[in-house]
Amino acid sequence: MDYEFLRDITGVVKVRMSMGHE
């Protein structure tokens, strides 16, 4: 597993979720 890839995806998801709530 590529943890760096997972971390990058998690960061994008968090940003999108935050934008969705705003």
Protein backbone atom coordinates (compact mmCIF):
# COMPACT_ATOMS: atom_id res chain seq x y z
CA MET A 1 0.00 0.00 0.00
CA ASP A 2 1.16 3.52 -0.77
CA TYR A 3 0.58 5.45 2.43
CA GLU A 4 1.62 8.72 0.78
CA PHE A 5 -1.14 8.23 -1.79
CA LEU A 6 -3.71 7.46 0.89
CA ARG A 7 -2.66 10.52 2.90
CA ASP A 8 -2.97 12.71 -0.20
CA ILE A 9 -6.45 11.35 -0.97
CA THR A 10 -7.53 11.81 2.65
CA GLY A 11 -6.42 15.45 2.52
CA VAL A 12 -8.42 16.04 -0.68
CA VAL A 13 -11.49 14.37 0.81
CA LYS A 14 -11.26 16.51 3.95
CA VAL A 15 -11.02 19.68 1.87
CA ARG A 16 -14.00 18.66 -0.29
CA MET A 17 -16.05 17.76 2.79
CA SER A 18 -15.20 21.12 4.36
CA MET A 19 -16.24 22.96 1.18
CA GLY A 20 -19.47 20.96 1.03
CA HIS A 21 -20.36 22.00 4.59
CA GLU A 22 -19.60 25.64 3.90
